């Protein structure tokens, strides 16, 4: 299993409505890509959100970014970003 961690620094608040849409729309879109497992959007401060997406391979995570993330994030989240997202992919070595 692999995960991508995206750190999003915000310059404006994202409406809770956007996060509700993310919770209903994103899993449906991501599940169309074989190997997707789950995702989390974690508000770590008023101006920072961390996205964690879990999938079978790094290649699957890249497909999710290209086929789902680019358009959905561009429309709903990108206008609120203070800077480009920080993106790191790694192999999951332990979980509980």
PDB file of N, CA and C in Angstrom:
ATOM      1  N   UNK A   1       0.840  -1.177   0.000  1.00  0.00           N
ATOM      2  CA  UNK A   1       0.000   0.000   0.000  1.00  0.00           C
ATOM      3  C   UNK A   1       0.888   1.245   0.000  1.00  0.00           C
ATOM      4  N   UNK A   2       0.340   2.289  -0.611  1.00  0.00           N
ATOM      5  CA  UNK A   2       1.034   3.575  -0.701  1.00  0.00           C
ATOM      6  C   UNK A   2       0.070   4.682  -0.305  1.00  0.00           C
ATOM      7  N   UNK A   3       0.624   5.816   0.069  1.00  0.00           N
ATOM      8  CA  UNK A   3      -0.198   6.978   0.407  1.00  0.00           C
ATOM      9  C   UNK A   3       0.460   8.222  -0.152  1.00  0.00           C
ATOM     10  N   UNK A   4      -0.384   9.200  -0.458  1.00  0.00           N
ATOM     11  CA  UNK A   4       0.108  10.519  -0.818  1.00  0.00           C
ATOM     12  C   UNK A   4      -0.392  11.475   0.257  1.00  0.00           C
ATOM     13  N   UNK A   5       0.480  12.383   0.660  1.00  0.00           N
ATOM     14  CA  UNK A   5       0.139  13.413   1.631  1.00  0.00           C
ATOM     15  C   UNK A   5       0.284  14.747   0.919  1.00  0.00           C
ATOM     16  N   UNK A   6      -0.825  15.462   0.841  1.00  0.00           N
ATOM     17  CA  UNK A   6      -0.839  16.784   0.217  1.00  0.00           C
ATOM     18  C   UNK A   6      -1.083  17.824   1.299  1.00  0.00           C
ATOM     19  N   UNK A   7      -0.153  18.741   1.441  1.00  0.00           N
ATOM     20  CA  UNK A   7      -0.305  19.834   2.406  1.00  0.00           C
ATOM     21  C   UNK A   7      -0.818  21.054   1.647  1.00  0.00           C
ATOM     22  N   UNK A   8      -1.982  21.552   2.063  1.00  0.00           N
ATOM     23  CA  UNK A   8      -2.614  22.681   1.397  1.00  0.00           C
ATOM     24  C   UNK A   8      -2.612  23.890   2.317  1.00  0.00           C
ATOM     25  N   UNK A   9      -1.851  24.916   1.970  1.00  0.00           N
ATOM     26  CA  UNK A   9      -1.835  26.173   2.733  1.00  0.00           C
ATOM     27  C   UNK A   9      -2.864  27.097   2.100  1.00  0.00           C
ATOM     28  N   UNK A  10      -3.778  27.604   2.932  1.00  0.00           N
ATOM     29  CA  UNK A  10      -4.907  28.380   2.440  1.00  0.00           C
ATOM     30  C   UNK A  10      -4.722  29.871   2.678  1.00  0.00           C
ATOM     31  N   UNK A  11      -5.243  30.674   1.752  1.00  0.00           N
ATOM     32  CA  UNK A  11      -5.270  32.121   1.979  1.00  0.00           C
ATOM     33  C   UNK A  11      -6.683  32.601   2.263  1.00  0.00           C
ATOM     34  N   UNK A  12      -7.679  31.748   2.033  1.00  0.00           N
ATOM     35  CA  UNK A  12      -9.065  32.025   2.398  1.00  0.00           C
ATOM     36  C   UNK A  12      -9.693  30.742   2.929  1.00  0.00           C
ATOM     37  N   UNK A  13     -10.691  30.909   3.742  1.00  0.00           N
ATOM     38  CA  UNK A  13     -11.377  29.759   4.323  1.00  0.00           C
ATOM     39  C   UNK A  13     -12.180  29.024   3.256  1.00  0.00           C
ATOM     40  N   UNK A  14     -12.136  27.714   3.330  1.00  0.00           N
ATOM     41  CA  UNK A  14     -12.939  26.886   2.438  1.00  0.00           C
ATOM     42  C   UNK A  14     -14.242  26.567   3.161  1.00  0.00           C
ATOM     43  N   UNK A  15     -15.336  26.804   2.503  1.00  0.00           N
ATOM     44  CA  UNK A  15     -16.659  26.579   3.076  1.00  0.00           C
ATOM     45  C   UNK A  15     -16.845  25.120   3.476  1.00  0.00           C
ATOM     46  N   UNK A  16     -17.502  24.868   4.607  1.00  0.00           N
ATOM     47  CA  UNK A  16     -17.816  23.484   4.977  1.00  0.00           C
ATOM     48  C   UNK A  16     -18.598  22.762   3.879  1.00  0.00           C
ATOM     49  N   UNK A  17     -19.335  23.517   3.080  1.00  0.00           N
ATOM     50  CA  UNK A  17     -20.086  22.968   1.960  1.00  0.00           C
ATOM     51  C   UNK A  17     -19.156  22.255   0.965  1.00  0.00           C
ATOM     52  N   UNK A  18     -17.976  22.827   0.735  1.00  0.00           N
ATOM     53  CA  UNK A  18     -17.002  22.207  -0.176  1.00  0.00           C
ATOM     54  C   UNK A  18     -16.541  20.876   0.395  1.00  0.00           C
ATOM     55  N   UNK A  19     -16.288  20.826   1.695  1.00  0.00           N
ATOM     56  CA  UNK A  19     -15.827  19.577   2.305  1.00  0.00           C
ATOM     57  C   UNK A  19     -16.937  18.531   2.299  1.00  0.00           C
ATOM     58  N   UNK A  20     -18.190  18.957   2.443  1.00  0.00           N
ATOM     59  CA  UNK A  20     -19.300  18.007   2.331  1.00  0.00           C
ATOM     60  C   UNK A  20     -19.371  17.430   0.920  1.00  0.00           C
ATOM     61  N   UNK A  21     -19.179  18.291  -0.069  1.00  0.00           N
ATOM     62  CA  UNK A  21     -19.152  17.812  -1.457  1.00  0.00           C
ATOM     63  C   UNK A  21     -17.989  16.855  -1.668  1.00  0.00           C
ATOM     64  N   UNK A  22     -16.832  17.178  -1.088  1.00  0.00           N
ATOM     65  CA  UNK A  22     -15.667  16.297  -1.213  1.00  0.00           C
ATOM     66  C   UNK A  22     -15.982  14.916  -0.651  1.00  0.00           C
ATOM     67  N   UNK A  23     -16.666  14.889   0.470  1.00  0.00           N
ATOM     68  CA  UNK A  23     -16.984  13.620   1.113  1.00  0.00           C
ATOM     69  C   UNK A  23     -17.935  12.761   0.282  1.00  0.00           C
ATOM     70  N   UNK A  24     -18.808  13.402  -0.473  1.00  0.00           N
ATOM     71  CA  UNK A  24     -19.749  12.626  -1.279  1.00  0.00           C
ATOM     72  C   UNK A  24     -19.260  12.400  -2.709  1.00  0.00           C
ATOM     73  N   UNK A  25     -18.594  13.380  -3.297  1.00  0.00           N
ATOM     74  CA  UNK A  25     -18.196  13.283  -4.704  1.00  0.00           C
ATOM     75  C   UNK A  25     -16.866  12.560  -4.922  1.00  0.00           C
ATOM     76  N   UNK A  26     -15.871  12.860  -4.101  1.00  0.00           N
ATOM     77  CA  UNK A  26     -14.536  12.318  -4.362  1.00  0.00           C
ATOM     78  C   UNK A  26     -14.449  10.798  -4.264  1.00  0.00           C
ATOM     79  N   UNK A  27     -15.031  10.164  -3.241  1.00  0.00           N
ATOM     80  CA  UNK A  27     -14.931   8.697  -3.213  1.00  0.00           C
ATOM     81  C   UNK A  27     -15.534   8.045  -4.449  1.00  0.00           C
ATOM     82  N   UNK A  28     -16.657   8.558  -4.912  1.00  0.00           N
ATOM     83  CA  UNK A  28     -17.293   8.006  -6.109  1.00  0.00           C
ATOM     84  C   UNK A  28     -16.365   8.114  -7.316  1.00  0.00           C
ATOM     85  N   UNK A  29     -15.730   9.275  -7.459  1.00  0.00           N
ATOM     86  CA  UNK A  29     -14.816   9.467  -8.585  1.00  0.00           C
ATOM     87  C   UNK A  29     -13.557   8.616  -8.445  1.00  0.00           C
ATOM     88  N   UNK A  30     -12.994   8.572  -7.229  1.00  0.00           N
ATOM     89  CA  UNK A  30     -11.751   7.828  -7.014  1.00  0.00           C
ATOM     90  C   UNK A  30     -11.953   6.319  -7.134  1.00  0.00           C
ATOM     91  N   UNK A  31     -13.110   5.832  -6.729  1.00  0.00           N
ATOM     92  CA  UNK A  31     -13.383   4.391  -6.805  1.00  0.00           C
ATOM     93  C   UNK A  31     -13.437   3.890  -8.244  1.00  0.00           C
ATOM     94  N   UNK A  32     -13.564   4.787  -9.193  1.00  0.00           N
ATOM     95  CA  UNK A  32     -13.536   4.397 -10.600  1.00  0.00           C
ATOM     96  C   UNK A  32     -12.125   3.995 -11.036  1.00  0.00           C
ATOM     97  N   UNK A  33     -11.137   4.307 -10.210  1.00  0.00           N
ATOM     98  CA  UNK A  33      -9.752   3.952 -10.498  1.00  0.00           C
ATOM     99  C   UNK A  33      -9.387   2.746  -9.632  1.00  0.00           C
ATOM    100  N   UNK A  34      -9.119   1.626 -10.280  1.00  0.00           N
ATOM    101  CA  UNK A  34      -8.787   0.398  -9.557  1.00  0.00           C
ATOM    102  C   UNK A  34      -7.571   0.629  -8.665  1.00  0.00           C
ATOM    103  N   UNK A  35      -7.673   0.175  -7.424  1.00  0.00           N
ATOM    104  CA  UNK A  35      -6.564   0.294  -6.486  1.00  0.00           C
ATOM    105  C   UNK A  35      -6.753   1.377  -5.449  1.00  0.00           C
ATOM    106  N   UNK A  36      -7.743   2.259  -5.623  1.00  0.00           N
ATOM    107  CA  UNK A  36      -8.031   3.289  -4.622  1.00  0.00           C
ATOM    108  C   UNK A  36      -8.554   2.627  -3.357  1.00  0.00           C
ATOM    109  N   UNK A  37      -8.112   3.099  -2.194  1.00  0.00           N
ATOM    110  CA  UNK A  37      -8.580   2.556  -0.919  1.00  0.00           C
ATOM    111  C   UNK A  37      -9.433   3.566  -0.146  1.00  0.00           C
ATOM    112  N   UNK A  38      -8.851   4.716   0.214  1.00  0.00           N
ATOM    113  CA  UNK A  38      -9.569   5.699   1.026  1.00  0.00           C
ATOM    114  C   UNK A  38      -8.871   7.048   0.949  1.00  0.00           C
ATOM    115  N   UNK A  39      -9.536   8.067   1.462  1.00  0.00           N
ATOM    116  CA  UNK A  39      -8.902   9.370   1.567  1.00  0.00           C
ATOM    117  C   UNK A  39      -9.401  10.083   2.818  1.00  0.00           C
ATOM    118  N   UNK A  40      -8.596  11.021   3.289  1.00  0.00           N
ATOM    119  CA  UNK A  40      -8.942  11.853   4.438  1.00  0.00           C
ATOM    120  C   UNK A  40      -8.585  13.293   4.120  1.00  0.00           C
ATOM    121  N   UNK A  41      -9.435  14.226   4.517  1.00  0.00           N
ATOM    122  CA  UNK A  41      -9.120  15.655   4.491  1.00  0.00           C
ATOM    123  C   UNK A  41      -9.087  16.074   5.953  1.00  0.00           C
ATOM    124  N   UNK A  42      -7.931  16.574   6.396  1.00  0.00           N
ATOM    125  CA  UNK A  42      -7.713  16.862   7.804  1.00  0.00           C
ATOM    126  C   UNK A  42      -7.387  18.340   7.964  1.00  0.00           C
ATOM    127  N   UNK A  43      -8.238  19.065   8.677  1.00  0.00           N
ATOM    128  CA  UNK A  43      -7.978  20.479   8.938  1.00  0.00           C
ATOM    129  C   UNK A  43      -7.046  20.563  10.145  1.00  0.00           C
ATOM    130  N   UNK A  44      -5.791  20.925   9.910  1.00  0.00           N
ATOM    131  CA  UNK A  44      -4.818  20.978  11.000  1.00  0.00           C
ATOM    132  C   UNK A  44      -4.713  22.373  11.613  1.00  0.00           C
ATOM    133  N   UNK A  45      -5.217  23.370  10.904  1.00  0.00           N
ATOM    134  CA  UNK A  45      -5.304  24.735  11.424  1.00  0.00           C
ATOM    135  C   UNK A  45      -6.279  25.484  10.523  1.00  0.00           C
ATOM    136  N   UNK A  46      -6.683  26.690  10.895  1.00  0.00           N
ATOM    137  CA  UNK A  46      -7.628  27.432  10.051  1.00  0.00           C
ATOM    138  C   UNK A  46      -7.107  27.703   8.634  1.00  0.00           C
ATOM    139  N   UNK A  47      -5.781  27.702   8.479  1.00  0.00           N
ATOM    140  CA  UNK A  47      -5.226  27.997   7.150  1.00  0.00           C
ATOM    141  C   UNK A  47      -4.433  26.837   6.554  1.00  0.00           C
ATOM    142  N   UNK A  48      -4.693  25.620   7.046  1.00  0.00           N
ATOM    143  CA  UNK A  48      -3.974  24.464   6.502  1.00  0.00           C
ATOM    144  C   UNK A  48      -4.827  23.197   6.567  1.00  0.00           C
ATOM    145  N   UNK A  49      -4.868  22.504   5.430  1.00  0.00           N
ATOM    146  CA  UNK A  49      -5.562  21.223   5.331  1.00  0.00           C
ATOM    147  C   UNK A  49      -4.571  20.215   4.762  1.00  0.00           C
ATOM    148  N   UNK A  50      -4.605  19.010   5.309  1.00  0.00           N
ATOM    149  CA  UNK A  50      -3.768  17.930   4.816  1.00  0.00           C
ATOM    150  C   UNK A  50      -4.689  16.881   4.209  1.00  0.00           C
ATOM    151  N   UNK A  51      -4.398  16.496   2.974  1.00  0.00           N
ATOM    152  CA  UNK A  51      -5.131  15.418   2.317  1.00  0.00           C
ATOM    153  C   UNK A  51      -4.262  14.171   2.318  1.00  0.00           C
ATOM    154  N   UNK A  52      -4.831  13.062   2.722  1.00  0.00           N
ATOM    155  CA  UNK A  52      -4.135  11.779   2.696  1.00  0.00           C
ATOM    156  C   UNK A  52      -4.975  10.842   1.848  1.00  0.00           C
ATOM    157  N   UNK A  53      -4.372  10.291   0.812  1.00  0.00           N
ATOM    158  CA  UNK A  53      -5.060   9.352  -0.068  1.00  0.00           C
ATOM    159  C   UNK A  53      -4.268   8.051  -0.065  1.00  0.00           C
ATOM    160  N   UNK A  54      -4.969   6.941   0.111  1.00  0.00           N
ATOM    161  CA  UNK A  54      -4.342   5.625   0.186  1.00  0.00           C
ATOM    162  C   UNK A  54      -4.776   4.800  -1.028  1.00  0.00           C
ATOM    163  N   UNK A  55      -3.812   4.135  -1.645  1.00  0.00           N
ATOM    164  CA  UNK A  55      -4.074   3.284  -2.807  1.00  0.00           C
ATOM    165  C   UNK A  55      -3.041   2.164  -2.847  1.00  0.00           C
ATOM    166  N   UNK A  56      -3.222   1.260  -3.790  1.00  0.00           N
ATOM    167  CA  UNK A  56      -2.326   0.101  -3.863  1.00  0.00           C
ATOM    168  C   UNK A  56      -0.916   0.459  -4.326  1.00  0.00           C
ATOM    169  N   UNK A  57      -0.778   1.407  -5.245  1.00  0.00           N
ATOM    170  CA  UNK A  57       0.550   1.738  -5.778  1.00  0.00           C
ATOM    171  C   UNK A  57       0.698   3.248  -5.952  1.00  0.00           C
ATOM    172  N   UNK A  58       1.945   3.677  -6.089  1.00  0.00           N
ATOM    173  CA  UNK A  58       2.226   5.087  -6.379  1.00  0.00           C
ATOM    174  C   UNK A  58       1.634   5.474  -7.733  1.00  0.00           C
ATOM    175  N   UNK A  59       1.635   4.548  -8.671  1.00  0.00           N
ATOM    176  CA  UNK A  59       1.073   4.823  -9.990  1.00  0.00           C
ATOM    177  C   UNK A  59      -0.432   5.092  -9.899  1.00  0.00           C
ATOM    178  N   UNK A  60      -1.121   4.343  -9.042  1.00  0.00           N
ATOM    179  CA  UNK A  60      -2.550   4.584  -8.840  1.00  0.00           C
ATOM    180  C   UNK A  60      -2.769   5.969  -8.255  1.00  0.00           C
ATOM    181  N   UNK A  61      -1.936   6.361  -7.307  1.00  0.00           N
ATOM    182  CA  UNK A  61      -2.048   7.700  -6.713  1.00  0.00           C
ATOM    183  C   UNK A  61      -1.827   8.787  -7.762  1.00  0.00           C
ATOM    184  N   UNK A  62      -0.884   8.565  -8.666  1.00  0.00           N
ATOM    185  CA  UNK A  62      -0.657   9.531  -9.745  1.00  0.00           C
ATOM    186  C   UNK A  62      -1.875   9.614 -10.663  1.00  0.00           C
ATOM    187  N   UNK A  63      -2.498   8.478 -10.951  1.00  0.00           N
ATOM    188  CA  UNK A  63      -3.716   8.481 -11.783  1.00  0.00           C
ATOM    189  C   UNK A  63      -4.839   9.240 -11.092  1.00  0.00           C
ATOM    190  N   UNK A  64      -4.987   9.029  -9.794  1.00  0.00           N
ATOM    191  CA  UNK A  64      -6.029   9.738  -9.041  1.00  0.00           C
ATOM    192  C   UNK A  64      -5.779  11.240  -9.111  1.00  0.00           C
ATOM    193  N   UNK A  65      -4.531  11.644  -8.946  1.00  0.00           N
ATOM    194  CA  UNK A  65      -4.196  13.070  -9.018  1.00  0.00           C
ATOM    195  C   UNK A  65      -4.536  13.642 -10.387  1.00  0.00           C
ATOM    196  N   UNK A  66      -4.189  12.914 -11.424  1.00  0.00           N
ATOM    197  CA  UNK A  66      -4.401  13.395 -12.787  1.00  0.00           C
ATOM    198  C   UNK A  66      -5.870  13.345 -13.199  1.00  0.00           C
ATOM    199  N   UNK A  67      -6.523  12.220 -12.944  1.00  0.00           N
ATOM    200  CA  UNK A  67      -7.873  12.000 -13.462  1.00  0.00           C
ATOM    201  C   UNK A  67      -8.980  12.572 -12.576  1.00  0.00           C
ATOM    202  N   UNK A  68      -8.709  12.755 -11.294  1.00  0.00           N
ATOM    203  CA  UNK A  68      -9.734  13.261 -10.377  1.00  0.00           C
ATOM    204  C   UNK A  68      -9.290  14.572  -9.740  1.00  0.00           C
ATOM    205  N   UNK A  69      -8.139  14.541  -9.130  1.00  0.00           N
ATOM    206  CA  UNK A  69      -7.680  15.683  -8.352  1.00  0.00           C
ATOM    207  C   UNK A  69      -7.505  16.961  -9.143  1.00  0.00           C
ATOM    208  N   UNK A  70      -6.902  16.846 -10.313  1.00  0.00           N
ATOM    209  CA  UNK A  70      -6.632  18.067 -11.076  1.00  0.00           C
ATOM    210  C   UNK A  70      -7.893  18.873 -11.350  1.00  0.00           C
ATOM    211  N   UNK A  71      -8.942  18.231 -11.820  1.00  0.00           N
ATOM    212  CA  UNK A  71     -10.155  18.990 -12.154  1.00  0.00           C
ATOM    213  C   UNK A  71     -10.960  19.365 -10.914  1.00  0.00           C
ATOM    214  N   UNK A  72     -11.196  18.417 -10.003  1.00  0.00           N
ATOM    215  CA  UNK A  72     -12.020  18.707  -8.832  1.00  0.00           C
ATOM    216  C   UNK A  72     -11.337  19.737  -7.940  1.00  0.00           C
ATOM    217  N   UNK A  73     -10.068  19.535  -7.676  1.00  0.00           N
ATOM    218  CA  UNK A  73      -9.331  20.465  -6.811  1.00  0.00           C
ATOM    219  C   UNK A  73      -9.205  21.837  -7.473  1.00  0.00           C
ATOM    220  N   UNK A  74      -8.965  21.873  -8.772  1.00  0.00           N
ATOM    221  CA  UNK A  74      -8.832  23.148  -9.473  1.00  0.00           C
ATOM    222  C   UNK A  74     -10.108  23.963  -9.317  1.00  0.00           C
ATOM    223  N   UNK A  75     -11.237  23.301  -9.427  1.00  0.00           N
ATOM    224  CA  UNK A  75     -12.518  24.005  -9.348  1.00  0.00           C
ATOM    225  C   UNK A  75     -12.884  24.426  -7.930  1.00  0.00           C
ATOM    226  N   UNK A  76     -12.677  23.545  -6.944  1.00  0.00           N
ATOM    227  CA  UNK A  76     -13.215  23.777  -5.606  1.00  0.00           C
ATOM    228  C   UNK A  76     -12.213  24.250  -4.556  1.00  0.00           C
ATOM    229  N   UNK A  77     -10.956  23.892  -4.710  1.00  0.00           N
ATOM    230  CA  UNK A  77      -9.975  24.183  -3.660  1.00  0.00           C
ATOM    231  C   UNK A  77      -8.903  25.169  -4.115  1.00  0.00           C
ATOM    232  N   UNK A  78      -8.405  25.043  -5.314  1.00  0.00           N
ATOM    233  CA  UNK A  78      -7.295  25.876  -5.790  1.00  0.00           C
ATOM    234  C   UNK A  78      -7.512  27.376  -5.599  1.00  0.00           C
ATOM    235  N   UNK A  79      -8.727  27.900  -5.780  1.00  0.00           N
ATOM    236  CA  UNK A  79      -8.905  29.341  -5.576  1.00  0.00           C
ATOM    237  C   UNK A  79      -8.605  29.810  -4.150  1.00  0.00           C
ATOM    238  N   UNK A  80      -8.550  28.879  -3.212  1.00  0.00           N
ATOM    239  CA  UNK A  80      -8.304  29.208  -1.806  1.00  0.00           C
ATOM    240  C   UNK A  80      -6.845  29.013  -1.385  1.00  0.00           C
ATOM    241  N   UNK A  81      -5.993  28.532  -2.288  1.00  0.00           N
ATOM    242  CA  UNK A  81      -4.616  28.203  -1.931  1.00  0.00           C
ATOM    243  C   UNK A  81      -3.715  29.429  -1.894  1.00  0.00           C
ATOM    244  N   UNK A  82      -2.858  29.465  -0.878  1.00  0.00           N
ATOM    245  CA  UNK A  82      -1.871  30.523  -0.753  1.00  0.00           C
ATOM    246  C   UNK A  82      -0.617  30.206  -1.567  1.00  0.00           C
ATOM    247  N   UNK A  83      -0.416  28.923  -1.845  1.00  0.00           N
ATOM    248  CA  UNK A  83       0.766  28.460  -2.589  1.00  0.00           C
ATOM    249  C   UNK A  83       0.439  27.097  -3.180  1.00  0.00           C
ATOM    250  N   UNK A  84       1.242  26.617  -4.114  1.00  0.00           N
ATOM    251  CA  UNK A  84       0.998  25.270  -4.644  1.00  0.00           C
ATOM    252  C   UNK A  84       1.076  24.222  -3.533  1.00  0.00           C
ATOM    253  N   UNK A  85       0.290  23.158  -3.637  1.00  0.00           N
ATOM    254  CA  UNK A  85       0.325  22.107  -2.614  1.00  0.00           C
ATOM    255  C   UNK A  85       1.700  21.445  -2.533  1.00  0.00           C
ATOM    256  N   UNK A  86       2.045  21.026  -1.338  1.00  0.00           N
ATOM    257  CA  UNK A  86       3.227  20.188  -1.129  1.00  0.00           C
ATOM    258  C   UNK A  86       2.728  18.748  -1.226  1.00  0.00           C
ATOM    259  N   UNK A  87       3.375  17.928  -2.057  1.00  0.00           N
ATOM    260  CA  UNK A  87       2.894  16.560  -2.324  1.00  0.00           C
ATOM    261  C   UNK A  87       4.015  15.564  -2.101  1.00  0.00           C
ATOM    262  N   UNK A  88       3.746  14.565  -1.253  1.00  0.00           N
ATOM    263  CA  UNK A  88       4.720  13.512  -0.995  1.00  0.00           C
ATOM    264  C   UNK A  88       4.019  12.158  -1.068  1.00  0.00           C
ATOM    265  N   UNK A  89       4.658  11.224  -1.771  1.00  0.00           N
ATOM    266  CA  UNK A  89       4.140   9.865  -1.891  1.00  0.00           C
ATOM    267  C   UNK A  89       5.111   8.916  -1.204  1.00  0.00           C
ATOM    268  N   UNK A  90       4.555   7.952  -0.482  1.00  0.00           N
ATOM    269  CA  UNK A  90       5.414   6.971   0.160  1.00  0.00           C
ATOM    270  C   UNK A  90       4.701   5.643   0.364  1.00  0.00           C
ATOM    271  N   UNK A  91       5.503   4.638   0.613  1.00  0.00           N
ATOM    272  CA  UNK A  91       4.993   3.289   0.893  1.00  0.00           C
ATOM    273  C   UNK A  91       4.570   3.221   2.357  1.00  0.00           C
ATOM    274  N   UNK A  92       3.411   2.687   2.622  1.00  0.00           N
ATOM    275  CA  UNK A  92       2.937   2.532   3.996  1.00  0.00           C
ATOM    276  C   UNK A  92       3.699   1.362   4.620  1.00  0.00           C
ATOM    277  N   UNK A  93       4.393   1.641   5.712  1.00  0.00           N
ATOM    278  CA  UNK A  93       5.207   0.598   6.355  1.00  0.00           C
ATOM    279  C   UNK A  93       4.565   0.046   7.616  1.00  0.00           C
ATOM    280  N   UNK A  94       3.536   0.714   8.148  1.00  0.00           N
ATOM    281  CA  UNK A  94       2.806   0.212   9.304  1.00  0.00           C
ATOM    282  C   UNK A  94       1.459   0.920   9.361  1.00  0.00           C
ATOM    283  N   UNK A  95       0.450   0.212   9.860  1.00  0.00           N
ATOM    284  CA  UNK A  95      -0.868   0.829  10.054  1.00  0.00           C
ATOM    285  C   UNK A  95      -1.579   0.071  11.169  1.00  0.00           C
ATOM    286  N   UNK A  96      -2.686   0.616  11.612  1.00  0.00           N
ATOM    287  CA  UNK A  96      -3.394  -0.030  12.700  1.00  0.00           C
ATOM    288  C   UNK A  96      -4.874  -0.080  12.473  1.00  0.00           C
TER     289      UNK A  96
END
